[in-house]
C-alpha atoms as a PDB file:
ATOM      1  CA  MET A   1    -133.243  33.359  32.049  1.00  0.00           C
ATOM      2  CA  THR A   2    -131.723  29.551  30.445  1.00  0.00           C
ATOM      3  CA  VAL A   3    -128.729  30.210  27.920  1.00  0.00           C
ATOM      4  CA  ARG A   4    -128.834  29.124  25.099  1.00  0.00           C
ATOM      5  CA  THR A   5    -126.848  28.881  21.804  1.00  0.00           C
ATOM      6  CA  ARG A   6    -126.518  26.716  19.105  1.00  0.00           C
ATOM      7  CA  PHE A   7    -125.006  25.880  15.779  1.00  0.00           C
ATOM      8  CA  ALA A   8    -126.610  25.586  12.373  1.00  0.00           C
ATOM      9  CA  PRO A   9    -124.694  24.269   9.712  1.00  0.00           C
ATOM     10  CA  SER A  10    -126.056  24.004   5.683  1.00  0.00           C
ATOM     11  CA  PRO A  11    -125.904  19.969   4.670  1.00  0.00           C
ATOM     12  CA  ASN A  12    -124.034  21.667   1.080  1.00  0.00           C
ATOM     13  CA  GLY A  13    -120.703  20.086   1.602  1.00  0.00           C
ATOM     14  CA  LEU A  14    -118.785  18.521   4.633  1.00  0.00           C
ATOM     15  CA  LEU A  15    -117.882  20.230   7.883  1.00  0.00           C
ATOM     16  CA  HIS A  16    -114.507  21.965   8.459  1.00  0.00           C
ATOM     17  CA  LEU A  17    -112.058  23.094  11.058  1.00  0.00           C
ATOM     18  CA  GLY A  18    -113.972  26.316  10.838  1.00  0.00           C
ATOM     19  CA  HIS A  19    -117.008  24.844  11.432  1.00  0.00           C
ATOM     20  CA  ALA A  20    -115.484  23.061  14.537  1.00  0.00           C
ATOM     21  CA  TYR A  21    -114.074  25.846  15.872  1.00  0.00           C
ATOM     22  CA  ALA A  22    -118.165  27.513  15.810  1.00  0.00           C
ATOM     23  CA  ALA A  23    -119.052  24.634  17.092  1.00  0.00           C
ATOM     24  CA  VAL A  24    -116.933  24.887  20.224  1.00  0.00           C
ATOM     25  CA  VAL A  25    -117.763  28.418  20.924  1.00  0.00           C
ATOM     26  CA  ALA A  26    -121.301  27.623  20.961  1.00  0.00           C
ATOM     27  CA  HIS A  27    -121.103  24.172  23.100  1.00  0.00           C
ATOM     28  CA  ASP A  28    -118.624  25.779  25.180  1.00  0.00           C
ATOM     29  CA  LEU A  29    -120.735  29.406  26.317  1.00  0.00           C
ATOM     30  CA  ALA A  30    -123.091  27.769  27.027  1.00  0.00           C
ATOM     31  CA  ARG A  31    -121.860  24.826  29.072  1.00  0.00           C
ATOM     32  CA  ALA A  32    -119.866  27.746  30.924  1.00  0.00           C
ATOM     33  CA  ARG A  33    -122.927  29.502  31.906  1.00  0.00           C
ATOM     34  CA  GLY A  34    -125.036  26.448  32.599  1.00  0.00           C
ATOM     35  CA  GLY A  35    -127.044  26.583  29.433  1.00  0.00           C
ATOM     36  CA  GLU A  36    -127.979  24.416  26.168  1.00  0.00           C
ATOM     37  CA  PHE A  37    -126.084  23.677  23.061  1.00  0.00           C
ATOM     38  CA  LEU A  38    -129.064  22.879  19.895  1.00  0.00           C
ATOM     39  CA  VAL A  39    -128.069  21.554  16.479  1.00  0.00           C
ATOM     40  CA  ARG A  40    -130.576  23.320  13.907  1.00  0.00           C
ATOM     41  CA  ILE A  41    -129.706  22.080  10.135  1.00  0.00           C
ATOM     42  CA  GLU A  42    -130.526  24.636   8.064  1.00  0.00           C
ATOM     43  CA  ASP A  43    -131.699  22.585   4.847  1.00  0.00           C
ATOM     44  CA  ILE A  44    -133.694  24.558   2.713  1.00  0.00           C
ATOM     45  CA  ASP A  45    -130.904  25.582   0.272  1.00  0.00           C
ATOM     46  CA  GLY A  46    -132.760  23.888  -3.081  1.00  0.00           C
ATOM     47  CA  THR A  47    -131.068  21.033  -4.507  1.00  0.00           C
ATOM     48  CA  ARG A  48    -127.468  21.946  -2.540  1.00  0.00           C
ATOM     49  CA  SER A  49    -129.193  20.923   0.813  1.00  0.00           C
ATOM     50  CA  ARG A  50    -127.619  16.920   0.539  1.00  0.00           C
ATOM     51  CA  ALA A  51    -129.645  14.398   3.441  1.00  0.00           C
ATOM     52  CA  GLU A  52    -126.735  12.525   3.095  1.00  0.00           C
ATOM     53  CA  LEU A  53    -124.439  14.318   4.559  1.00  0.00           C
ATOM     54  CA  ILE A  54    -127.004  15.225   7.685  1.00  0.00           C
ATOM     55  CA  PRO A  55    -126.139  11.800   9.924  1.00  0.00           C
ATOM     56  CA  GLU A  56    -121.850  12.633   9.228  1.00  0.00           C
ATOM     57  CA  PHE A  57    -122.355  16.293  10.816  1.00  0.00           C
ATOM     58  CA  LEU A  58    -123.894  14.471  13.643  1.00  0.00           C
ATOM     59  CA  ALA A  59    -120.869  12.120  14.113  1.00  0.00           C
ATOM     60  CA  ASP A  60    -118.682  15.081  13.319  1.00  0.00           C
ATOM     61  CA  LEU A  61    -120.666  16.388  16.833  1.00  0.00           C
ATOM     62  CA  GLU A  62    -120.023  13.378  18.862  1.00  0.00           C
ATOM     63  CA  TRP A  63    -116.538  12.484  17.662  1.00  0.00           C
ATOM     64  CA  LEU A  64    -115.381  15.852  18.961  1.00  0.00           C
ATOM     65  CA  GLY A  65    -117.275  15.710  22.284  1.00  0.00           C
ATOM     66  CA  LEU A  66    -119.723  17.871  21.870  1.00  0.00           C
ATOM     67  CA  HIS A  67    -123.425  16.787  22.884  1.00  0.00           C
ATOM     68  CA  ARG A  68    -126.538  18.452  22.086  1.00  0.00           C
ATOM     69  CA  ASP A  69    -129.223  19.172  24.328  1.00  0.00           C
ATOM     70  CA  GLY A  70    -132.634  17.983  23.071  1.00  0.00           C
ATOM     71  CA  PRO A  71    -133.593  17.005  19.272  1.00  0.00           C
ATOM     72  CA  VAL A  72    -132.375  18.573  16.145  1.00  0.00           C
ATOM     73  CA  LEU A  73    -134.609  20.887  14.379  1.00  0.00           C
ATOM     74  CA  HIS A  74    -134.239  20.259  10.551  1.00  0.00           C
ATOM     75  CA  GLN A  75    -135.438  23.892   8.754  1.00  0.00           C
ATOM     76  CA  SER A  76    -136.992  21.494   6.258  1.00  0.00           C
ATOM     77  CA  THR A  77    -139.524  20.772   8.849  1.00  0.00           C
ATOM     78  CA  ARG A  78    -140.421  24.226   9.137  1.00  0.00           C
ATOM     79  CA  LEU A  79    -141.796  25.937   6.166  1.00  0.00           C
ATOM     80  CA  ALA A  80    -145.110  27.186   6.940  1.00  0.00           C
ATOM     81  CA  ALA A  81    -143.161  29.300  10.001  1.00  0.00           C
ATOM     82  CA  TYR A  82    -141.719  31.052   6.878  1.00  0.00           C
ATOM     83  CA  ALA A  83    -144.645  31.353   5.244  1.00  0.00           C
ATOM     84  CA  GLU A  84    -146.464  32.352   8.084  1.00  0.00           C
ATOM     85  CA  ALA A  85    -143.591  35.198   8.836  1.00  0.00           C
ATOM     86  CA  GLY A  86    -143.757  36.009   5.143  1.00  0.00           C
ATOM     87  CA  GLU A  87    -147.151  36.648   4.869  1.00  0.00           C
ATOM     88  CA  ARG A  88    -147.191  38.617   8.106  1.00  0.00           C
ATOM     89  CA  LEU A  89    -144.768  41.348   6.507  1.00  0.00           C
ATOM     90  CA  LYS A  90    -146.878  41.299   3.458  1.00  0.00           C
ATOM     91  CA  ALA A  91    -149.917  41.975   5.184  1.00  0.00           C
ATOM     92  CA  MET A  92    -147.640  45.481   6.667  1.00  0.00           C
ATOM     93  CA  GLY A  93    -146.876  46.542   2.759  1.00  0.00           C
ATOM     94  CA  LEU A  94    -143.327  45.937   3.330  1.00  0.00           C
ATOM     95  CA  LEU A  95    -142.894  42.831   0.877  1.00  0.00           C
ATOM     96  CA  TYR A  96    -143.032  43.058  -2.908  1.00  0.00           C
ATOM     97  CA  PRO A  97    -142.739  40.569  -6.244  1.00  0.00           C
ATOM     98  CA  CYS A  98    -139.822  41.192  -8.207  1.00  0.00           C
ATOM     99  CA  GLN A  99    -139.357  38.703 -11.615  1.00  0.00           C
ATOM    100  CA  CYS A 100    -135.283  40.172 -11.665  1.00  0.00           C
ATOM    101  CA  THR A 101    -132.751  37.478 -12.621  1.00  0.00           C
ATOM    102  CA  ARG A 102    -129.003  37.639 -10.511  1.00  0.00           C
ATOM    103  CA  SER A 103    -127.662  38.927 -14.057  1.00  0.00           C
ATOM    104  CA  GLU A 104    -130.260  41.678 -14.289  1.00  0.00           C
ATOM    105  CA  VAL A 105    -129.651  42.722 -10.506  1.00  0.00           C
ATOM    106  CA  LEU A 106    -125.877  42.540 -11.775  1.00  0.00           C
ATOM    107  CA  ALA A 107    -126.411  44.615 -14.632  1.00  0.00           C
ATOM    108  CA  ALA A 108    -128.893  47.132 -12.463  1.00  0.00           C
ATOM    109  CA  ALA A 109    -127.001  47.371  -9.820  1.00  0.00           C
ATOM    110  CA  ARG A 110    -125.019  51.027  -8.988  1.00  0.00           C
ATOM    111  CA  GLN A 111    -123.157  50.009  -5.612  1.00  0.00           C
ATOM    112  CA  SER A 112    -122.636  46.998  -3.538  1.00  0.00           C
ATOM    113  CA  GLY A 113    -124.289  46.335   0.179  1.00  0.00           C
ATOM    114  CA  PRO A 114    -122.397  43.396   2.580  1.00  0.00           C
ATOM    115  CA  ASP A 115    -124.147  40.430   0.645  1.00  0.00           C
ATOM    116  CA  GLY A 116    -123.085  42.259  -2.578  1.00  0.00           C
ATOM    117  CA  PRO A 117    -124.434  44.636  -5.752  1.00  0.00           C
ATOM    118  CA  LEU A 118    -127.208  46.368  -4.049  1.00  0.00           C
ATOM    119  CA  TYR A 119    -131.010  45.603  -6.003  1.00  0.00           C
ATOM    120  CA  PRO A 120    -132.311  49.044  -7.517  1.00  0.00           C
ATOM    121  CA  GLY A 121    -135.335  48.733  -6.952  1.00  0.00           C
ATOM    122  CA  THR A 122    -136.271  48.245  -9.929  1.00  0.00           C
ATOM    123  CA  CYS A 123    -139.732  46.032  -9.327  1.00  0.00           C
ATOM    124  CA  ARG A 124    -140.761  48.763  -6.576  1.00  0.00           C
ATOM    125  CA  GLY A 125    -143.830  50.002  -7.434  1.00  0.00           C
ATOM    126  CA  ARG A 126    -144.322  48.413 -10.807  1.00  0.00           C
ATOM    127  CA  ALA A 127    -147.195  46.279 -11.694  1.00  0.00           C
ATOM    128  CA  VAL A 128    -144.815  42.237 -11.214  1.00  0.00           C
ATOM    129  CA  ASP A 129    -146.793  39.101 -11.793  1.00  0.00           C
ATOM    130  CA  PRO A 130    -146.242  37.448  -8.039  1.00  0.00           C
ATOM    131  CA  GLU A 131    -145.983  33.755  -9.518  1.00  0.00           C
ATOM    132  CA  GLY A 132    -142.935  32.403  -9.065  1.00  0.00           C
ATOM    133  CA  ALA A 133    -141.087  36.060  -8.301  1.00  0.00           C
ATOM    134  CA  ALA A 134    -138.957  36.517  -5.519  1.00  0.00           C
ATOM    135  CA  TRP A 135    -140.197  38.495  -2.751  1.00  0.00           C
ATOM    136  CA  ARG A 136    -137.937  41.755  -1.222  1.00  0.00           C
ATOM    137  CA  LEU A 137    -138.525  44.156   1.716  1.00  0.00           C
ATOM    138  CA  ASP A 138    -138.902  47.572   0.860  1.00  0.00           C
ATOM    139  CA  MET A 139    -136.279  48.630   3.249  1.00  0.00           C
ATOM    140  CA  ALA A 140    -136.687  52.024   3.302  1.00  0.00           C
ATOM    141  CA  LYS A 141    -140.644  51.699   4.207  1.00  0.00           C
ATOM    142  CA  ALA A 142    -139.772  48.811   6.976  1.00  0.00           C
ATOM    143  CA  VAL A 143    -136.368  51.208   8.399  1.00  0.00           C
ATOM    144  CA  ALA A 144    -139.138  54.023   9.189  1.00  0.00           C
ATOM    145  CA  LEU A 145    -141.496  51.710  10.795  1.00  0.00           C
ATOM    146  CA  ALA A 146    -139.497  49.923  13.181  1.00  0.00           C
ATOM    147  CA  GLY A 147    -137.800  53.357  14.145  1.00  0.00           C
ATOM    148  CA  PRO A 148    -134.105  52.946  15.735  1.00  0.00           C
ATOM    149  CA  LEU A 149    -132.506  49.967  16.664  1.00  0.00           C
ATOM    150  CA  THR A 150    -129.766  48.672  18.602  1.00  0.00           C
ATOM    151  CA  TRP A 151    -128.484  45.190  19.295  1.00  0.00           C
ATOM    152  CA  THR A 152    -125.325  44.343  21.702  1.00  0.00           C
ATOM    153  CA  ASP A 153    -122.488  42.024  20.802  1.00  0.00           C
ATOM    154  CA  GLU A 154    -120.405  40.864  23.845  1.00  0.00           C
ATOM    155  CA  LEU A 155    -117.196  41.374  21.963  1.00  0.00           C
ATOM    156  CA  ALA A 156    -118.050  44.482  20.277  1.00  0.00           C
ATOM    157  CA  GLY A 157    -120.694  46.405  22.424  1.00  0.00           C
ATOM    158  CA  VAL A 158    -123.975  47.982  21.749  1.00  0.00           C
ATOM    159  CA  GLN A 159    -124.187  48.116  18.082  1.00  0.00           C
ATOM    160  CA  GLN A 160    -126.547  50.949  15.675  1.00  0.00           C
ATOM    161  CA  ALA A 161    -129.303  48.429  13.628  1.00  0.00           C
ATOM    162  CA  ASP A 162    -128.446  50.586  10.181  1.00  0.00           C
ATOM    163  CA  PRO A 163    -129.857  47.898   8.058  1.00  0.00           C
ATOM    164  CA  GLN A 164    -130.037  50.179   4.733  1.00  0.00           C
ATOM    165  CA  VAL A 165    -126.811  49.244   3.743  1.00  0.00           C
ATOM    166  CA  PHE A 166    -128.296  45.931   2.320  1.00  0.00           C
ATOM    167  CA  GLY A 167    -131.027  47.571   0.314  1.00  0.00           C
ATOM    168  CA  ASP A 168    -133.952  45.619  -0.656  1.00  0.00           C
ATOM    169  CA  ILE A 169    -133.006  42.189   0.100  1.00  0.00           C
ATOM    170  CA  VAL A 170    -134.970  38.967  -0.582  1.00  0.00           C
ATOM    171  CA  LEU A 171    -136.623  37.476   1.956  1.00  0.00           C
ATOM    172  CA  LEU A 172    -138.771  34.784  -0.163  1.00  0.00           C
ATOM    173  CA  ARG A 173    -136.186  33.469  -2.853  1.00  0.00           C
ATOM    174  CA  LYS A 174    -137.930  31.995  -5.648  1.00  0.00           C
ATOM    175  CA  GLU A 175    -135.394  28.778  -5.564  1.00  0.00           C
ATOM    176  CA  ALA A 176    -136.412  28.419  -1.699  1.00  0.00           C
ATOM    177  CA  PRO A 177    -138.605  29.000   0.800  1.00  0.00           C
ATOM    178  CA  ALA A 178    -137.098  31.648   2.738  1.00  0.00           C
ATOM    179  CA  SER A 179    -133.817  33.544   2.870  1.00  0.00           C
ATOM    180  CA  TYR A 180    -131.123  32.865   5.203  1.00  0.00           C
ATOM    181  CA  HIS A 181    -132.358  35.585   7.093  1.00  0.00           C
ATOM    182  CA  LEU A 182    -136.072  35.550   7.689  1.00  0.00           C
ATOM    183  CA  ALA A 183    -135.766  31.674   8.152  1.00  0.00           C
ATOM    184  CA  ALA A 184    -132.197  31.738  10.805  1.00  0.00           C
ATOM    185  CA  THR A 185    -134.659  34.869  12.341  1.00  0.00           C
ATOM    186  CA  VAL A 186    -137.748  33.274  13.097  1.00  0.00           C
ATOM    187  CA  ASP A 187    -135.585  29.418  14.112  1.00  0.00           C
ATOM    188  CA  ASP A 188    -133.599  31.493  16.388  1.00  0.00           C
ATOM    189  CA  ALA A 189    -137.099  32.664  18.723  1.00  0.00           C
ATOM    190  CA  ALA A 190    -138.877  29.629  17.762  1.00  0.00           C
ATOM    191  CA  GLN A 191    -136.321  27.612  19.495  1.00  0.00           C
ATOM    192  CA  GLY A 192    -135.346  29.937  22.189  1.00  0.00           C
ATOM    193  CA  ILE A 193    -131.864  30.532  21.348  1.00  0.00           C
ATOM    194  CA  THR A 194    -130.582  33.740  24.292  1.00  0.00           C
ATOM    195  CA  LEU A 195    -126.829  33.559  22.693  1.00  0.00           C
ATOM    196  CA  VAL A 196    -126.350  33.726  18.630  1.00  0.00           C
ATOM    197  CA  THR A 197    -122.484  32.661  18.057  1.00  0.00           C
ATOM    198  CA  ARG A 198    -121.375  32.748  14.683  1.00  0.00           C
ATOM    199  CA  GLY A 199    -118.026  34.034  12.830  1.00  0.00           C
ATOM    200  CA  MET A 200    -117.382  37.634  12.058  1.00  0.00           C
ATOM    201  CA  ASP A 201    -118.756  37.024   8.465  1.00  0.00           C
ATOM    202  CA  LEU A 202    -121.646  37.465   9.769  1.00  0.00           C
ATOM    203  CA  PHE A 203    -121.778  40.537  11.654  1.00  0.00           C
ATOM    204  CA  GLN A 204    -123.460  43.167   9.634  1.00  0.00           C
ATOM    205  CA  SER A 205    -126.577  40.198   8.713  1.00  0.00           C
ATOM    206  CA  THR A 206    -127.240  41.352  12.321  1.00  0.00           C
ATOM    207  CA  ARG A 207    -128.274  44.379  11.286  1.00  0.00           C
ATOM    208  CA  VAL A 208    -131.100  43.238   8.741  1.00  0.00           C
ATOM    209  CA  HIS A 209    -132.125  40.317  11.433  1.00  0.00           C
ATOM    210  CA  ARG A 210    -132.355  42.726  14.571  1.00  0.00           C
ATOM    211  CA  LEU A 211    -134.828  44.529  12.351  1.00  0.00           C
ATOM    212  CA  LEU A 212    -136.580  41.642  11.547  1.00  0.00           C
ATOM    213  CA  GLN A 213    -137.016  41.141  14.916  1.00  0.00           C
ATOM    214  CA  ALA A 214    -138.537  44.301  15.547  1.00  0.00           C
ATOM    215  CA  LEU A 215    -141.065  43.712  12.823  1.00  0.00           C
ATOM    216  CA  LEU A 216    -142.260  40.335  13.637  1.00  0.00           C
ATOM    217  CA  ASP A 217    -142.370  40.972  17.528  1.00  0.00           C
ATOM    218  CA  LEU A 218    -139.659  38.377  17.969  1.00  0.00           C
ATOM    219  CA  PRO A 219    -137.411  39.191  21.317  1.00  0.00           C
ATOM    220  CA  VAL A 220    -134.263  40.201  20.935  1.00  0.00           C
ATOM    221  CA  PRO A 221    -130.925  37.662  22.269  1.00  0.00           C
ATOM    222  CA  ILE A 222    -127.370  38.423  22.688  1.00  0.00           C
ATOM    223  CA  TRP A 223    -125.007  38.104  19.880  1.00  0.00           C
ATOM    224  CA  HIS A 224    -121.703  36.562  20.238  1.00  0.00           C
ATOM    225  CA  HIS A 225    -119.181  36.809  16.830  1.00  0.00           C
ATOM    226  CA  HIS A 226    -116.161  35.188  16.899  1.00  0.00           C
ATOM    227  CA  ALA A 227    -112.752  35.396  14.869  1.00  0.00           C
ATOM    228  CA  LEU A 228    -112.467  32.624  11.632  1.00  0.00           C
ATOM    229  CA  LEU A 229    -110.091  29.981  11.222  1.00  0.00           C
ATOM    230  CA  VAL A 230    -108.522  31.704   8.034  1.00  0.00           C
ATOM    231  CA  GLU A 231    -105.929  30.091   5.301  1.00  0.00           C
ATOM    232  CA  PRO A 232    -102.635  31.662   5.015  1.00  0.00           C
ATOM    233  CA  ASP A 233    -103.380  34.260   2.076  1.00  0.00           C
ATOM    234  CA  GLY A 234    -106.076  35.327   4.790  1.00  0.00           C
ATOM    235  CA  ARG A 235    -108.834  33.852   3.585  1.00  0.00           C
ATOM    236  CA  LYS A 236    -111.480  31.795   5.784  1.00  0.00           C
ATOM    237  CA  LEU A 237    -111.550  28.081   5.322  1.00  0.00           C
ATOM    238  CA  ALA A 238    -114.743  26.685   2.854  1.00  0.00           C
ATOM    239  CA  LYS A 239    -116.189  23.337   1.796  1.00  0.00           C
ATOM    240  CA  ARG A 240    -115.666  24.416  -2.201  1.00  0.00           C
ATOM    241  CA  ARG A 241    -112.037  24.957  -1.522  1.00  0.00           C
ATOM    242  CA  GLY A 242    -111.594  21.412  -0.280  1.00  0.00           C
ATOM    243  CA  SER A 243    -110.466  22.621   3.383  1.00  0.00           C
ATOM    244  CA  PRO A 244    -110.347  19.248   5.157  1.00  0.00           C
ATOM    245  CA  ALA A 245    -113.395  17.265   6.143  1.00  0.00           C
ATOM    246  CA  LEU A 246    -114.091  16.804   9.870  1.00  0.00           C
ATOM    247  CA  ARG A 247    -115.549  13.147   8.714  1.00  0.00           C
ATOM    248  CA  ASP A 248    -112.008  12.334   6.754  1.00  0.00           C
ATOM    249  CA  LEU A 249    -110.298  12.835  10.234  1.00  0.00           C
ATOM    250  CA  ARG A 250    -112.980  10.857  11.792  1.00  0.00           C
ATOM    251  CA  LEU A 251    -112.672   8.363   9.899  1.00  0.00           C
ATOM    252  CA  ALA A 252    -108.805   8.310   9.567  1.00  0.00           C
ATOM    253  CA  GLY A 253    -108.801   7.630  13.417  1.00  0.00           C
ATOM    254  CA  ALA A 254    -108.044  10.912  14.638  1.00  0.00           C
ATOM    255  CA  ASP A 255    -108.815  12.018  17.687  1.00  0.00           C
ATOM    256  CA  GLY A 256    -111.374  13.901  17.826  1.00  0.00           C
ATOM    257  CA  THR A 257    -111.464  15.094  21.561  1.00  0.00           C
ATOM    258  CA  ALA A 258    -108.082  16.453  21.705  1.00  0.00           C
ATOM    259  CA  LEU A 259    -108.763  18.002  18.336  1.00  0.00           C
ATOM    260  CA  ALA A 260    -111.821  20.399  19.744  1.00  0.00           C
ATOM    261  CA  GLU A 261    -108.780  21.041  22.953  1.00  0.00           C
ATOM    262  CA  ASP A 262    -106.729  22.371  20.812  1.00  0.00           C
ATOM    263  CA  LEU A 263    -109.031  24.814  18.968  1.00  0.00           C
ATOM    264  CA  ARG A 264    -110.240  25.928  22.465  1.00  0.00           C
ATOM    265  CA  GLN A 265    -106.631  26.855  23.357  1.00  0.00           C
ATOM    266  CA  GLY A 266    -105.686  27.572  20.560  1.00  0.00           C
ATOM    267  CA  ARG A 267    -103.163  25.373  18.723  1.00  0.00           C
ATOM    268  CA  LEU A 268    -104.209  25.188  15.415  1.00  0.00           C
ATOM    269  CA  PRO A 269    -103.000  23.248  12.513  1.00  0.00           C
ATOM    270  CA  ALA A 270     -99.516  24.201  10.375  1.00  0.00           C
ATOM    271  CA  GLY A 271    -100.656  27.701   8.161  1.00  0.00           C
ATOM    272  CA  LEU A 272    -103.960  27.736  10.008  1.00  0.00           C
ATOM    273  CA  SER A 273    -104.598  31.021  11.876  1.00  0.00           C
ATOM    274  CA  LEU A 274    -107.541  32.827  13.564  1.00  0.00           C
ATOM    275  CA  GLY A 275    -108.589  35.931  11.638  1.00  0.00           C
ATOM    276  CA  HIS A 276    -109.003  38.794  14.334  1.00  0.00           C
ATOM    277  CA  GLY A 277    -112.620  39.073  15.397  1.00  0.00           C
ATOM    278  CA  VAL A 278    -114.138  41.916  16.738  1.00  0.00           C
ATOM    279  CA  GLY A 279    -112.908  43.068  20.628  1.00  0.00           C
ATOM    280  CA  GLN A 280    -109.919  40.927  19.753  1.00  0.00           C
ATOM    281  CA  GLN A 281    -106.241  43.089  19.440  1.00  0.00           C
ATOM    282  CA  ALA A 282    -104.279  42.804  16.272  1.00  0.00           C
END
């Protein structure tokens, strides 16, 4: 079986060094195993997605010396696939419409999960107009149907999939065709991804993705959750905090292949470090 990885950025801001590190990991794991490195653009985040950034992303990857295999997949071309997956889950009685606003959820929540305040089930079992509603997964029902599940991370080993800590998550959103959880899971299967590489900040999300794979009869990959580049205060690099953009470094004449090699060797810019990931020693 061909090993296949992917780098899947969202065009809501320029790529930074954290993205470069993630792309290097995905690229190098594929190349070391004679596999393929794919690129997917996750461009369905409503008005936050900016099409003009996509050429910059592709130029950044070339500048880093990370050459992709095959065409770029844009999630904006995959809306029918997300709708089909949603309809399958509805037909199984696993989704229900919800008209609650974010502020209402925040006010009513009594617990928090990996994605934030847990939805208290306000609309579950109620008659809700589905027009313009979000569609939530009835987590208890879904877990009961799927039964016990496990998943494997290359660094952390076999994990129990316990998605109930997420509560009744939204899978079909009001402002976008699908949630990250649903779209990424459906697309990884469609692209034949065998090794899902991503940062440790998404480790917990794999619980949900493994559940969706079971419910939708999708193939199960192996995961590789790597450490994150972090700032001196321990926070991961973020577009919204103005982390240095790869485009700016590229246009300033920096050597992208040398930067990629530095990231491989752990030679990081001053002030940055790798946060401890699963399987790493403190």
